[in-house]
């Protein structure tokens, strides 16, 4: 099955964070990927996402403004399970050594 692709828009990308807005038309997907950094997701809308993982598939109900965090290494495909556009902000925390001060 071919699905439309979710659209990422990088808002900030520097030495310590990357902030991306993800927009999904109905049925759109991110494609399989592995998170190389710890991250936080902040949904912009209330809705449902379908998560495909190595261990199977599940639905996640998300509330607008209700964030959640995951550790680096998560592998999945994220699919909009709503009949409307869905969007969230993803904040990735890049690993970097602590400096002086």
C-alpha atoms as a PDB file:
ATOM      1  CA  UNK A   1       0.000   0.000   0.000  1.00  0.00           C
ATOM      2  CA  UNK A   2       1.362   3.407  -0.963  1.00  0.00           C
ATOM      3  CA  UNK A   3       0.472   6.202   1.421  1.00  0.00           C
ATOM      4  CA  UNK A   4       1.047   9.950   1.071  1.00  0.00           C
ATOM      5  CA  UNK A   5       4.107  11.211   2.938  1.00  0.00           C
ATOM      6  CA  UNK A   6       3.905  13.397   6.041  1.00  0.00           C
ATOM      7  CA  UNK A   7       5.595  16.770   5.540  1.00  0.00           C
ATOM      8  CA  UNK A   8       8.370  17.771   7.966  1.00  0.00           C
ATOM      9  CA  UNK A   9       9.293  21.445   8.327  1.00  0.00           C
ATOM     10  CA  UNK A  10      12.438  22.079  10.355  1.00  0.00           C
ATOM     11  CA  UNK A  11      11.910  25.167  12.495  1.00  0.00           C
ATOM     12  CA  UNK A  12      15.226  25.099  14.387  1.00  0.00           C
ATOM     13  CA  UNK A  13      18.359  23.005  13.972  1.00  0.00           C
ATOM     14  CA  UNK A  14      21.432  23.857  16.019  1.00  0.00           C
ATOM     15  CA  UNK A  15      24.103  22.134  18.111  1.00  0.00           C
ATOM     16  CA  UNK A  16      21.718  21.004  20.844  1.00  0.00           C
ATOM     17  CA  UNK A  17      18.174  20.738  19.435  1.00  0.00           C
ATOM     18  CA  UNK A  18      16.201  20.161  16.272  1.00  0.00           C
ATOM     19  CA  UNK A  19      12.561  21.273  16.227  1.00  0.00           C
ATOM     20  CA  UNK A  20      10.383  19.892  13.431  1.00  0.00           C
ATOM     21  CA  UNK A  21       6.727  20.489  12.650  1.00  0.00           C
ATOM     22  CA  UNK A  22       5.145  17.364  11.136  1.00  0.00           C
ATOM     23  CA  UNK A  23       1.939  17.695   9.078  1.00  0.00           C
ATOM     24  CA  UNK A  24      -0.065  14.676   7.935  1.00  0.00           C
ATOM     25  CA  UNK A  25      -2.914  14.624   5.450  1.00  0.00           C
ATOM     26  CA  UNK A  26      -5.428  11.848   6.202  1.00  0.00           C
ATOM     27  CA  UNK A  27      -3.618   8.493   5.889  1.00  0.00           C
ATOM     28  CA  UNK A  28      -0.155  10.078   5.469  1.00  0.00           C
ATOM     29  CA  UNK A  29       2.900   8.409   7.017  1.00  0.00           C
ATOM     30  CA  UNK A  30       6.419   9.311   8.102  1.00  0.00           C
ATOM     31  CA  UNK A  31       7.887   6.095   6.696  1.00  0.00           C
ATOM     32  CA  UNK A  32       9.966   3.711   8.810  1.00  0.00           C
ATOM     33  CA  UNK A  33      12.642   5.526  10.789  1.00  0.00           C
ATOM     34  CA  UNK A  34      14.823   5.242  13.890  1.00  0.00           C
ATOM     35  CA  UNK A  35      15.184   8.150  16.298  1.00  0.00           C
ATOM     36  CA  UNK A  36      18.843   8.911  16.916  1.00  0.00           C
ATOM     37  CA  UNK A  37      18.071  11.396  19.728  1.00  0.00           C
ATOM     38  CA  UNK A  38      15.794  11.574  22.766  1.00  0.00           C
ATOM     39  CA  UNK A  39      12.705  13.538  21.792  1.00  0.00           C
ATOM     40  CA  UNK A  40       9.460  15.165  22.907  1.00  0.00           C
ATOM     41  CA  UNK A  41       6.292  15.373  20.805  1.00  0.00           C
ATOM     42  CA  UNK A  42       3.722  18.140  21.320  1.00  0.00           C
ATOM     43  CA  UNK A  43       0.475  17.473  19.398  1.00  0.00           C
ATOM     44  CA  UNK A  44      -1.069  20.585  17.861  1.00  0.00           C
ATOM     45  CA  UNK A  45      -4.465  18.888  17.537  1.00  0.00           C
ATOM     46  CA  UNK A  46      -6.406  16.160  19.283  1.00  0.00           C
ATOM     47  CA  UNK A  47      -6.503  12.957  17.278  1.00  0.00           C
ATOM     48  CA  UNK A  48      -5.279   9.432  16.706  1.00  0.00           C
ATOM     49  CA  UNK A  49      -2.070   8.085  15.181  1.00  0.00           C
ATOM     50  CA  UNK A  50      -1.378   4.526  14.069  1.00  0.00           C
ATOM     51  CA  UNK A  51       2.092   3.317  15.063  1.00  0.00           C
ATOM     52  CA  UNK A  52       3.699   0.438  13.206  1.00  0.00           C
ATOM     53  CA  UNK A  53       6.591  -1.139  15.138  1.00  0.00           C
ATOM     54  CA  UNK A  54       8.672  -4.314  14.984  1.00  0.00           C
ATOM     55  CA  UNK A  55       6.336  -5.675  17.666  1.00  0.00           C
ATOM     56  CA  UNK A  56       3.097  -4.921  15.836  1.00  0.00           C
ATOM     57  CA  UNK A  57       0.697  -2.077  15.373  1.00  0.00           C
ATOM     58  CA  UNK A  58      -1.157   0.080  17.859  1.00  0.00           C
ATOM     59  CA  UNK A  59      -3.271   3.217  18.021  1.00  0.00           C
ATOM     60  CA  UNK A  60      -2.273   6.245  20.071  1.00  0.00           C
ATOM     61  CA  UNK A  61      -4.843   8.833  21.130  1.00  0.00           C
ATOM     62  CA  UNK A  62      -3.220  12.257  21.489  1.00  0.00           C
ATOM     63  CA  UNK A  63      -4.533  15.477  23.002  1.00  0.00           C
ATOM     64  CA  UNK A  64      -3.685  18.938  21.732  1.00  0.00           C
ATOM     65  CA  UNK A  65      -0.846  20.363  23.822  1.00  0.00           C
ATOM     66  CA  UNK A  66      -0.364  17.149  25.839  1.00  0.00           C
ATOM     67  CA  UNK A  67       3.283  16.252  25.266  1.00  0.00           C
ATOM     68  CA  UNK A  68       5.095  12.951  25.656  1.00  0.00           C
ATOM     69  CA  UNK A  69       8.779  11.955  25.585  1.00  0.00           C
ATOM     70  CA  UNK A  70      10.636   8.969  24.151  1.00  0.00           C
ATOM     71  CA  UNK A  71      14.246   7.815  24.318  1.00  0.00           C
ATOM     72  CA  UNK A  72      16.590   7.535  21.356  1.00  0.00           C
ATOM     73  CA  UNK A  73      16.389   4.265  19.449  1.00  0.00           C
ATOM     74  CA  UNK A  74      12.626   4.140  18.864  1.00  0.00           C
ATOM     75  CA  UNK A  75      11.879   2.582  15.455  1.00  0.00           C
ATOM     76  CA  UNK A  76       8.473   3.003  13.880  1.00  0.00           C
ATOM     77  CA  UNK A  77       6.253   4.309  11.104  1.00  0.00           C
ATOM     78  CA  UNK A  78       3.702   6.941  12.168  1.00  0.00           C
ATOM     79  CA  UNK A  79       0.412   7.172  10.244  1.00  0.00           C
ATOM     80  CA  UNK A  80      -2.422   9.685  10.539  1.00  0.00           C
ATOM     81  CA  UNK A  81      -5.492   7.613  11.452  1.00  0.00           C
ATOM     82  CA  UNK A  82      -7.832  10.623  11.336  1.00  0.00           C
ATOM     83  CA  UNK A  83     -10.098  11.809   8.523  1.00  0.00           C
ATOM     84  CA  UNK A  84      -8.523  15.266   8.873  1.00  0.00           C
ATOM     85  CA  UNK A  85      -5.053  16.782   8.800  1.00  0.00           C
ATOM     86  CA  UNK A  86      -3.003  16.110  11.923  1.00  0.00           C
ATOM     87  CA  UNK A  87       0.126  17.905  13.110  1.00  0.00           C
ATOM     88  CA  UNK A  88       2.648  17.853  15.924  1.00  0.00           C
ATOM     89  CA  UNK A  89       5.909  19.474  16.936  1.00  0.00           C
ATOM     90  CA  UNK A  90       8.877  17.171  17.571  1.00  0.00           C
ATOM     91  CA  UNK A  91      11.784  18.454  19.683  1.00  0.00           C
ATOM     92  CA  UNK A  92      14.940  16.327  19.472  1.00  0.00           C
ATOM     93  CA  UNK A  93      17.717  16.731  22.048  1.00  0.00           C
ATOM     94  CA  UNK A  94      21.093  16.228  20.423  1.00  0.00           C
ATOM     95  CA  UNK A  95      23.808  14.617  22.498  1.00  0.00           C
ATOM     96  CA  UNK A  96      26.705  16.912  23.201  1.00  0.00           C
ATOM     97  CA  UNK A  97      29.396  17.001  25.848  1.00  0.00           C
ATOM     98  CA  UNK A  98      28.989  19.376  28.747  1.00  0.00           C
ATOM     99  CA  UNK A  99      31.273  22.357  28.466  1.00  0.00           C
ATOM    100  CA  UNK A 100      32.647  24.772  31.055  1.00  0.00           C
ATOM    101  CA  UNK A 101      30.247  27.039  32.871  1.00  0.00           C
END
